Amino acid sequence: MIIKILLPPYQAGQCYQRNLPCILSLLDKVDLGLIKSIVIDGYMHLDEGKIGLR
């Protein structure tokens, strides 16, 4: 399955505006009654160029 979504430009501190629409689109295509858990993994660049989870 290929899903294409137009994403807005990245804005520091606003990753949910870019990532959440993609996640919600995928969840709309899945029978959530068959799923026990969902794990979302990722990273972002923090202040001073540090990489980490927030």
C-alpha atoms as a PDB file:
ATOM      1  CA  MET A   1       0.000   0.000   0.000  1.00  0.00           C
ATOM      2  CA  ILE A   2       1.336   3.428  -0.910  1.00  0.00           C
ATOM      3  CA  ILE A   3      -0.067   6.486   0.813  1.00  0.00           C
ATOM      4  CA  LYS A   4       0.930   9.956  -0.329  1.00  0.00           C
ATOM      5  CA  ILE A   5       0.336  12.916   1.958  1.00  0.00           C
ATOM      6  CA  LEU A   6       1.395  16.508   1.346  1.00  0.00           C
ATOM      7  CA  LEU A   7       3.318  17.668   4.384  1.00  0.00           C
ATOM      8  CA  PRO A   8       3.698  21.228   5.607  1.00  0.00           C
ATOM      9  CA  PRO A   9       7.215  22.607   6.026  1.00  0.00           C
ATOM     10  CA  TYR A  10       9.053  21.672   9.224  1.00  0.00           C
ATOM     11  CA  GLN A  11       8.633  24.106  12.122  1.00  0.00           C
ATOM     12  CA  ALA A  12      10.809  23.717  15.202  1.00  0.00           C
ATOM     13  CA  GLY A  13       8.781  22.591  18.215  1.00  0.00           C
ATOM     14  CA  GLN A  14       5.736  21.788  16.083  1.00  0.00           C
ATOM     15  CA  CYS A  15       6.511  18.240  14.916  1.00  0.00           C
ATOM     16  CA  TYR A  16       2.934  17.131  15.650  1.00  0.00           C
ATOM     17  CA  GLN A  17       1.676  19.378  12.824  1.00  0.00           C
ATOM     18  CA  ARG A  18       3.825  17.485  10.336  1.00  0.00           C
ATOM     19  CA  ASN A  19       3.719  13.934  11.736  1.00  0.00           C
ATOM     20  CA  LEU A  20       0.255  13.609  13.263  1.00  0.00           C
ATOM     21  CA  PRO A  21      -1.684  13.825   9.962  1.00  0.00           C
ATOM     22  CA  CYS A  22       0.373  10.903   8.605  1.00  0.00           C
ATOM     23  CA  ILE A  23      -0.263   8.792  11.694  1.00  0.00           C
ATOM     24  CA  LEU A  24      -4.000   9.563  11.686  1.00  0.00           C
ATOM     25  CA  SER A  25      -4.246   8.732   7.983  1.00  0.00           C
ATOM     26  CA  LEU A  26      -2.694   5.310   8.585  1.00  0.00           C
ATOM     27  CA  LEU A  27      -4.949   4.639  11.572  1.00  0.00           C
ATOM     28  CA  ASP A  28      -8.013   5.375   9.408  1.00  0.00           C
ATOM     29  CA  LYS A  29      -6.981   2.509   7.121  1.00  0.00           C
ATOM     30  CA  VAL A  30      -6.555  -0.126   9.864  1.00  0.00           C
ATOM     31  CA  ASP A  31      -9.135  -2.119  11.815  1.00  0.00           C
ATOM     32  CA  LEU A  32      -8.207  -0.879  15.298  1.00  0.00           C
ATOM     33  CA  GLY A  33     -10.224  -3.717  16.842  1.00  0.00           C
ATOM     34  CA  LEU A  34      -7.470  -6.086  15.710  1.00  0.00           C
ATOM     35  CA  ILE A  35      -4.631  -4.102  17.269  1.00  0.00           C
ATOM     36  CA  LYS A  36      -3.526  -4.346  20.901  1.00  0.00           C
ATOM     37  CA  SER A  37      -0.870  -1.638  20.834  1.00  0.00           C
ATOM     38  CA  ILE A  38       0.765   0.892  18.549  1.00  0.00           C
ATOM     39  CA  VAL A  39       4.406   1.913  18.924  1.00  0.00           C
ATOM     40  CA  ILE A  40       5.658   5.077  17.270  1.00  0.00           C
ATOM     41  CA  ASP A  41       9.402   5.576  17.309  1.00  0.00           C
ATOM     42  CA  GLY A  42      11.342   8.559  16.103  1.00  0.00           C
ATOM     43  CA  TYR A  43      13.891  11.203  16.873  1.00  0.00           C
ATOM     44  CA  MET A  44      14.282  14.909  16.417  1.00  0.00           C
ATOM     45  CA  HIS A  45      17.009  17.495  16.592  1.00  0.00           C
ATOM     46  CA  LEU A  46      16.958  19.331  19.891  1.00  0.00           C
ATOM     47  CA  ASP A  47      18.625  22.634  20.792  1.00  0.00           C
ATOM     48  CA  GLU A  48      22.284  23.003  19.867  1.00  0.00           C
ATOM     49  CA  GLY A  49      22.048  20.261  17.238  1.00  0.00           C
ATOM     50  CA  LYS A  50      21.555  17.436  19.777  1.00  0.00           C
ATOM     51  CA  ILE A  51      19.549  14.445  18.541  1.00  0.00           C
ATOM     52  CA  GLY A  52      17.101  12.793  20.944  1.00  0.00           C
ATOM     53  CA  LEU A  53      13.555  11.963  21.910  1.00  0.00           C
ATOM     54  CA  ARG A  54      11.421  14.701  23.321  1.00  0.00           C
END
